[in-house]
Protein backbone atom coordinates (compact mmCIF):
# COMPACT_ATOMS: atom_id res chain seq x y z
CA MET A 1 0.35 -0.10 -0.08
CA ARG A 2 2.74 2.44 0.94
CA THR A 3 4.32 1.75 -2.56
CA SER A 4 1.36 2.80 -4.26
CA LEU A 5 0.92 5.95 -2.34
CA LEU A 6 4.44 6.80 -2.93
CA LEU A 7 4.40 6.32 -6.37
CA THR A 8 0.84 8.47 -6.64
CA LEU A 9 2.78 11.45 -4.61
CA ALA A 10 6.06 11.16 -6.92
CA ALA A 11 3.74 11.20 -9.65
CA THR A 12 1.91 14.42 -8.46
CA LEU A 13 5.18 16.13 -7.73
CA ALA A 14 6.66 15.42 -11.34
CA PHE A 15 3.35 16.55 -12.96
CA ALA A 16 3.69 20.12 -10.77
CA ALA A 17 7.71 20.25 -11.78
CA CYS A 18 6.97 20.04 -15.49
CA SER A 19 3.96 22.13 -15.69
CA GLY A 20 5.43 24.85 -13.58
CA GLY A 21 3.08 24.43 -10.58
CA GLY A 22 0.22 22.93 -12.27
CA GLY A 23 -2.16 20.82 -10.80
CA GLY A 24 -4.74 17.75 -11.37
CA SER A 25 -6.97 17.65 -14.37
CA SER A 26 -10.26 17.34 -14.20
CA THR A 27 -12.72 13.86 -13.88
CA THR A 28 -15.98 15.83 -14.55
CA PRO A 29 -16.12 16.95 -17.97
CA PRO A 30 -17.21 20.32 -18.46
CA VAL A 31 -20.81 21.25 -19.12
CA THR A 32 -21.67 24.46 -21.62
CA SER A 33 -24.59 26.20 -20.07
CA GLY A 34 -25.50 29.48 -21.83
CA GLY A 35 -22.62 31.61 -22.74
CA GLY A 36 -20.41 30.25 -20.53
CA THR A 37 -18.20 26.76 -19.89
CA THR A 38 -18.92 25.99 -16.31
CA GLN A 39 -18.02 22.80 -13.98
CA GLN A 40 -21.59 21.27 -12.78
CA GLN A 41 -21.09 20.07 -9.39
CA SER A 42 -23.50 19.10 -6.74
CA SER A 43 -23.69 20.95 -3.37
CA THR A 44 -22.06 17.97 -1.84
CA THR A 45 -19.01 17.90 -4.56
CA GLN A 46 -18.58 21.45 -3.96
CA SER A 47 -18.36 20.92 -0.17
CA GLU A 48 -15.91 18.04 -0.92
CA ASP A 49 -13.90 20.23 -2.95
CA ALA A 50 -14.05 23.14 -0.80
CA ILE A 51 -12.66 21.63 2.38
CA ASP A 52 -9.81 19.63 0.02
CA ALA A 53 -8.75 23.32 -0.92
CA THR A 54 -8.68 24.62 2.24
CA ASN A 55 -6.72 21.47 3.84
CA SER A 56 -4.34 21.59 1.22
CA VAL A 57 -3.38 25.48 1.32
CA GLY A 58 -3.85 24.84 5.35
CA THR A 59 -0.94 22.17 4.83
CA PRO A 60 1.85 23.88 4.13
CA VAL A 61 0.85 27.02 6.45
CA LYS A 62 0.20 24.63 9.39
CA SER A 63 3.96 22.98 8.59
CA PHE A 64 5.40 26.47 8.21
CA THR A 65 3.88 27.41 11.56
CA ASN A 66 5.28 24.44 13.15
CA PHE A 67 9.08 25.27 11.52
CA ASP A 68 8.92 28.39 12.84
CA SER A 69 7.75 28.30 15.78
CA SER A 70 10.50 25.27 16.51
CA ILE A 71 13.29 27.63 15.61
CA THR A 72 12.25 31.44 17.09
CA ALA A 73 11.89 31.99 20.34
CA GLN A 74 13.21 35.97 19.47
CA SER A 75 16.50 34.73 19.99
CA THR A 76 17.96 32.27 17.68
CA GLN A 77 17.97 33.68 14.03
CA SER A 78 21.58 33.42 14.19
CA ARG A 79 24.41 31.73 16.23
CA THR A 80 24.67 34.53 18.66
CA ALA A 81 22.24 34.17 21.44
CA GLN A 82 20.79 37.84 22.32
CA SER A 83 18.64 38.61 25.66
CA ILE A 84 15.15 37.29 25.66
CA PRO A 85 12.72 39.67 28.37
CA LEU A 86 11.21 36.84 30.52
CA GLY A 87 7.54 37.38 31.41
CA THR A 88 7.28 40.66 29.82
CA CYS A 89 4.61 41.45 27.46
CA ASN A 90 6.31 42.48 24.60
CA ASN A 91 3.67 43.43 21.68
CA GLY A 92 1.18 40.85 22.24
CA VAL A 93 3.79 37.89 22.94
CA GLU A 94 5.00 36.77 26.40
CA PHE A 95 8.15 34.28 26.93
CA PHE A 96 9.06 32.39 30.06
CA ALA A 97 12.10 29.73 30.36
CA PRO A 98 11.07 27.74 32.48
CA ASP A 99 8.09 27.20 31.84
CA LYS A 100 5.25 28.66 34.22
CA ASN A 101 5.17 25.05 36.08
CA ASN A 102 8.94 25.55 36.71
CA ASP A 103 9.61 22.60 34.78
CA PRO A 104 13.58 21.52 33.85
CA ASN A 105 14.29 22.16 30.35
CA SER A 106 11.16 23.98 29.64
CA THR A 107 9.84 27.15 28.12
CA GLU A 108 6.54 28.80 27.76
CA ARG A 109 5.20 31.21 25.05
CA GLN A 110 1.87 32.75 25.29
CA PHE A 111 0.49 34.28 21.90
CA PHE A 112 -2.20 37.20 22.66
CA TYR A 113 -5.09 38.31 20.77
CA ASP A 114 -3.98 41.80 22.02
CA SER A 115 -0.88 43.76 22.05
CA ALA A 116 -1.54 44.59 26.03
CA CYS A 117 -1.42 40.41 26.42
CA THR A 118 -5.00 40.15 28.01
CA GLU A 119 -6.68 37.90 25.70
CA LEU A 120 -4.75 34.78 25.53
CA ALA A 121 -4.89 33.13 21.80
CA ARG A 122 -2.45 29.96 22.19
CA ASP A 123 -0.14 28.56 25.15
CA THR A 124 3.13 26.68 23.84
CA VAL A 125 4.93 24.76 26.13
CA ARG A 126 8.35 22.63 25.20
CA ILE A 127 9.76 20.41 26.92
CA TYR A 128 13.34 19.34 25.79
CA THR A 129 16.25 16.90 26.14
CA ILE A 130 18.88 17.58 24.51
CA ASN A 131 21.87 14.76 23.40
CA GLY A 132 25.18 16.01 21.08
CA THR A 133 23.16 17.32 18.07
CA SER A 134 20.25 15.55 18.44
CA GLU A 135 17.16 16.80 20.58
CA THR A 136 13.78 15.60 21.32
CA VAL A 137 10.72 18.01 22.35
CA ASN A 138 7.54 17.65 23.52
CA ARG A 139 5.39 20.33 22.70
CA THR A 140 1.80 21.07 24.14
CA GLU A 141 -0.17 23.99 22.28
CA SER A 142 -3.71 24.88 24.13
CA LEU A 143 -5.84 26.94 21.33
CA TYR A 144 -7.97 29.77 22.94
CA ALA A 145 -11.07 31.48 21.61
CA ILE A 146 -11.15 35.20 21.78
CA ASN A 147 -13.54 35.91 24.90
CA ASN A 148 -13.19 32.46 26.38
CA ALA A 149 -10.77 31.44 28.92
CA THR A 150 -10.71 27.89 28.26
CA ALA A 151 -8.73 25.96 25.72
CA ILE A 152 -11.11 25.30 22.71
CA ALA A 153 -8.68 22.67 21.68
CA VAL A 154 -4.81 21.27 22.77
CA ARG A 155 -2.24 20.15 20.02
CA ALA A 156 0.65 17.90 21.28
CA ASP A 157 3.33 17.51 19.18
CA ALA A 158 6.57 15.06 19.47
CA VAL A 159 9.52 16.74 17.77
CA SER A 160 12.95 15.20 17.09
CA PHE A 161 16.06 17.47 15.42
CA GLN A 162 19.33 15.64 14.02
CA ASN A 163 22.41 17.03 12.89
CA GLY A 164 21.54 20.13 14.72
CA THR A 165 23.16 22.93 17.00
CA PHE A 166 21.23 23.77 20.19
CA GLY A 167 21.05 27.19 21.58
CA THR A 168 19.39 29.39 24.46
CA TYR A 169 16.72 27.64 25.76
CA GLY A 170 17.02 24.06 23.62
CA TYR A 171 16.19 25.81 20.15
CA PRO A 172 18.28 24.84 17.35
CA VAL A 173 20.44 27.10 15.92
CA ALA A 174 18.93 27.79 12.39
CA ALA A 175 21.91 29.16 10.96
CA ASP A 176 23.52 25.53 11.04
CA GLY A 177 20.90 23.51 9.57
CA PHE A 178 19.17 20.60 10.95
CA ALA A 179 16.67 17.99 10.37
CA GLU A 180 13.23 18.16 12.34
CA SER A 181 10.13 15.61 12.19
CA ALA A 182 7.24 15.84 14.11
CA THR A 183 4.15 13.80 14.86
CA GLY A 184 1.18 15.34 16.24
CA THR A 185 -2.80 15.65 17.26
CA LEU A 186 -5.25 17.94 17.67
CA ASN A 187 -8.08 17.26 20.07
CA ILE A 188 -10.74 19.19 20.63
CA SER A 189 -13.07 18.75 23.52
CA GLY A 190 -10.93 15.57 24.62
CA SER A 191 -11.44 13.74 20.94
CA ARG A 192 -8.92 13.05 19.05
CA THR A 193 -9.84 15.35 15.81
CA SER A 194 -7.43 15.41 13.84
CA ALA A 195 -3.78 13.91 13.12
CA SER A 196 -0.89 15.44 10.86
CA ASP A 197 2.88 14.77 10.51
CA ASP A 198 5.39 16.88 9.07
CA GLU A 199 9.32 16.81 8.53
CA LEU A 200 11.88 19.56 7.42
CA VAL A 201 15.65 19.40 6.10
CA LEU A 202 16.87 22.95 6.74
CA SER A 203 20.14 23.91 5.25
CA PRO A 204 22.55 26.15 6.77
CA SER A 205 22.13 29.70 5.85
CA SER A 206 24.04 31.93 3.68
CA ASN A 207 23.47 36.01 3.68
CA ASN A 208 20.35 35.10 5.80
CA VAL A 209 18.90 32.79 3.49
CA SER A 210 18.14 28.96 3.78
CA THR A 211 16.99 26.20 1.33
CA PHE A 212 14.62 23.42 2.49
CA CYS A 213 12.54 20.68 1.64
CA SER A 214 9.75 19.05 3.67
CA ASP A 215 6.44 16.50 3.34
CA SER A 216 3.87 16.39 5.24
CA ALA A 217 0.53 13.94 5.62
CA GLY A 218 -2.57 14.10 8.08
CA TYR A 219 -6.30 13.57 8.20
CA ASN A 220 -9.85 14.47 10.19
CA ALA A 221 -9.82 11.47 12.32
CA THR A 222 -13.60 12.18 13.53
CA GLY A 223 -14.78 13.12 10.03
CA ILE A 224 -17.00 15.75 8.82
CA GLN A 225 -20.95 14.05 10.14
CA SER A 226 -22.61 16.16 7.82
CA LEU A 227 -21.07 14.17 4.72
CA GLY A 228 -20.09 11.24 6.43
CA GLU A 229 -16.59 11.37 5.55
CA THR A 230 -13.31 11.90 6.45
CA PHE A 231 -10.50 13.82 4.37
CA GLY A 232 -6.72 13.15 4.25
CA TRP A 233 -4.12 14.91 2.72
CA GLN A 234 -0.42 14.46 1.75
CA GLY A 235 2.57 16.61 0.06
CA ALA A 236 5.94 17.88 -0.20
CA VAL A 237 8.73 20.70 -0.78
CA LEU A 238 11.11 18.18 -2.60
CA SER A 239 13.94 20.64 -2.89
CA GLY A 240 13.84 24.46 -3.61
CA GLY A 241 12.16 25.63 -0.74
CA THR A 242 13.52 29.08 0.96
CA ARG A 243 13.63 30.68 4.69
CA THR A 244 14.94 34.14 4.67
CA ILE A 245 15.41 36.39 7.68
CA ASN A 246 14.38 39.75 6.48
CA ALA A 247 15.41 43.13 7.49
CA ASP A 248 13.03 43.65 9.44
CA GLY A 249 13.31 40.65 11.84
CA SER A 250 10.69 38.26 10.21
CA VAL A 251 11.06 35.52 8.52
CA THR A 252 9.82 34.51 5.10
CA TRP A 253 8.98 30.88 4.29
CA GLN A 254 8.68 30.37 0.55
CA ALA A 255 7.96 27.02 -1.94
CA THR A 256 5.38 25.57 -3.90
CA HIS A 257 4.14 22.30 -1.64
CA ALA A 258 2.43 19.84 -3.89
CA GLY A 259 0.39 16.56 -3.40
CA SER A 260 -3.00 15.16 -3.32
CA THR A 261 -6.21 14.97 -1.48
CA SER A 262 -8.34 11.89 -0.46
CA LYS A 263 -11.44 10.96 1.04
CA GLY A 264 -12.96 7.86 2.68
CA ALA A 265 -15.21 6.45 5.48
CA ILE A 266 -14.75 7.92 8.82
CA GLY A 267 -11.94 5.78 10.79
CA SER A 268 -10.34 4.50 6.94
CA LEU A 269 -7.34 6.98 7.08
CA SER A 270 -4.34 6.84 8.88
CA ILE A 271 -0.72 8.30 8.25
CA LEU A 272 2.63 5.82 7.36
CA ALA A 273 5.70 6.61 9.11
CA GLY A 274 8.94 5.61 7.40
CA THR A 275 12.51 6.75 7.33
CA PRO A 276 13.26 10.28 8.02
CA ASN A 277 15.27 12.37 5.87
CA THR A 278 18.46 14.16 6.46
CA THR A 279 19.48 15.55 3.68
CA CYS A 280 18.11 17.45 0.21
CA PRO A 281 16.16 16.44 -2.07
CA ILE A 282 13.26 14.12 -0.90
CA SER A 283 13.10 11.10 -2.73
CA THR A 284 11.12 9.20 -0.49
CA PRO A 285 8.90 11.41 2.02
CA GLN A 286 8.40 10.42 5.80
CA PHE A 287 5.04 10.66 5.65
CA THR A 288 2.36 9.41 3.54
CA LEU A 289 -1.35 8.77 3.65
CA SER A 290 -3.02 5.52 4.49
CA GLY A 291 -6.38 4.53 3.02
CA GLY A 292 -9.24 6.01 1.14
CA THR A 293 -9.65 7.32 -2.52
CA THR A 294 -7.50 10.28 -3.89
CA THR A 295 -9.69 12.78 -4.88
CA GLY A 296 -7.42 14.59 -6.57
CA THR A 297 -3.61 16.57 -6.88
CA TYR A 298 -2.77 20.00 -6.50
CA SER A 299 -0.15 22.46 -6.56
CA ILE A 300 0.13 25.54 -4.02
CA PRO A 301 2.71 28.28 -4.30
CA VAL A 302 2.91 29.52 -1.01
CA THR A 303 4.21 32.75 0.80
CA ALA A 304 4.17 33.22 4.48
CA THR A 305 6.00 35.79 6.55
CA TYR A 306 6.02 35.49 10.47
CA LYS A 307 7.22 37.89 12.93
CA SER A 308 8.12 36.59 16.87
CA GLY A 309 6.25 33.23 15.68
CA VAL A 310 2.96 35.04 14.24
CA LEU A 311 1.78 35.46 10.95
CA GLU A 312 2.21 38.42 9.47
CA SER A 313 1.40 37.83 5.80
CA LEU A 314 0.13 34.91 3.53
CA THR A 315 0.09 34.95 -0.24
CA VAL A 316 -1.18 32.06 -2.41
CA THR A 317 -1.75 32.90 -6.04
CA ASN A 318 -3.27 30.82 -8.88
CA ALA A 319 -2.99 27.39 -6.91
CA THR A 320 -4.51 24.65 -9.11
CA LEU A 321 -6.59 21.84 -7.63
CA ALA A 322 -8.30 18.99 -8.46
CA ASN A 323 -11.25 19.40 -11.03
CA GLY A 324 -9.64 22.03 -12.45
CA ASP A 325 -10.34 24.72 -9.31
CA THR A 326 -8.01 27.29 -8.68
CA LEU A 327 -7.12 28.98 -5.59
CA ASN A 328 -6.06 32.06 -4.49
CA VAL A 329 -5.52 33.26 -0.60
CA THR A 330 -4.73 37.14 0.17
CA THR A 331 -3.74 38.50 3.49
CA ASN A 332 -6.22 41.91 4.61
CA SER A 333 -3.62 44.09 6.09
CA ASN A 334 -6.19 46.94 7.06
CA VAL A 335 -7.66 44.46 10.51
CA SER A 336 -5.64 42.61 12.85
CA PRO A 337 -3.87 39.86 12.38
CA THR A 338 -6.21 38.57 15.28
CA SER A 339 -9.34 39.04 13.04
CA ASN A 340 -11.24 36.25 11.51
CA THR A 341 -10.98 37.80 8.16
CA PHE A 342 -7.32 38.29 8.24
CA ILE A 343 -6.61 36.06 5.59
CA THR A 344 -8.95 34.90 2.78
CA GLY A 345 -9.15 32.45 0.37
CA SER A 346 -11.42 32.22 -2.84
CA LEU A 347 -11.87 28.90 -4.76
CA ALA A 348 -13.22 29.03 -8.31
CA ASN A 349 -13.85 26.65 -11.30
CA SER A 350 -13.79 28.48 -15.26
CA GLY A 351 -14.35 32.07 -13.44
CA THR A 352 -17.15 31.15 -11.16
CA GLN A 353 -16.70 31.30 -7.39
CA ILE A 354 -16.93 28.04 -5.29
CA ALA A 355 -16.64 28.62 -1.64
CA THR A 356 -14.61 31.07 0.25
CA PHE A 357 -12.81 30.88 3.54
CA ALA A 358 -11.66 33.57 5.97
CA VAL A 359 -9.39 32.96 9.17
CA ASP A 360 -7.16 34.67 11.84
CA ALA A 361 -3.31 34.68 11.91
CA PHE A 362 -3.83 31.63 14.22
CA GLY A 363 -5.66 29.12 11.28
CA ASP A 364 -9.40 29.46 13.09
CA GLY A 365 -12.63 30.45 10.93
CA THR A 366 -14.92 29.62 8.93
CA LEU A 367 -15.23 27.86 5.24
CA THR A 368 -18.20 28.88 3.57
CA VAL A 369 -19.64 26.92 -0.14
CA THR A 370 -21.05 29.69 -2.34
CA LYS A 371 -23.98 27.91 -3.65
CA SER A 372 -25.20 25.93 -0.80
CA GLY A 373 -24.17 28.65 1.92
CA ALA A 374 -23.09 25.87 4.14
CA GLN A 375 -20.51 26.53 6.62
CA TYR A 376 -17.72 24.45 7.95
CA VAL A 377 -15.60 25.14 10.93
CA ILE A 378 -11.36 25.78 10.25
CA THR A 379 -9.46 25.45 13.61
CA ASP A 380 -5.63 25.52 13.05
CA TRP A 381 -5.39 25.91 9.54
CA HIS A 382 -7.64 22.79 8.99
CA VAL A 383 -11.30 21.94 8.18
CA VAL A 384 -12.48 20.08 11.80
CA LYS A 385 -16.76 19.92 11.46
């Protein structure tokens, strides 16, 4: 099963490379209606396409967010450790070492909806163990909705690093490069709602630029009950991604993420974990999806900029997905990153809008199918219900 999945993914990535970032072909013939050519789809099909599109673009963005969080503690952009104000509000971010529970070899970073650090949005605790050039990290992130003092979800990740050097508070030094592998679950109301695993190989930097390769896979474990299905994704940046440190201290991740989406009966999907990669290009992704039926391929050019671990801007231009769908994502700089309209996306086919989504900088928001008006909840960059 793993061999066939790897062949599917390899074919997807090869097609994207040959077509300059193109995606999958239409599986339903276009039907001429009146003066134009449009894709005739049922409401269910449009919902499925919309969920696949949202999960597809959410996958690299969530990976970049995880990667940036693994590196950035306001201190480890270079080999020179900097002084970090501990327990002090710094434009909506607070950092503690050790964590507020005083665990040994730990850190805690809190992100707030407001610059005065009164409305908690994310609370991330790391407990780390360094062993020479390797490290293991147990990372727990509690997610909060605005004006809600109780966590709406908890994400738990087991992270490992190889071939790294580690600076203040156990963060890997990005300038020296490293290989990272992470497996994680998102739990809502105590239930394992989604699983997503990813890996990153980051090269040593030159003139504040590092190249990278990565892969990821995941699925919604509880499924979308209204559709009676679960949805999954797998994809990779086999080579050529870049991480750039900008003059203002922000960091920009840029790459074309290519892969495929799947669906199946609830409970039918799982992730296969293979051998971690330590060099680029990736020939065999560490993480692939098992089960279900492949619904299409995608190729998504992503540019994401972070500052102090918070997403500042996200751009996706003319991403190609299954059935001839296209996706564009923009950042609304006129609203706060904590607004649920900070990042907006539009899915279309032959110029006809199929769906839109809107999320805040943390990837929480709503997906709306245009034709039916059906809405789905996005949490932590993926559709959860």
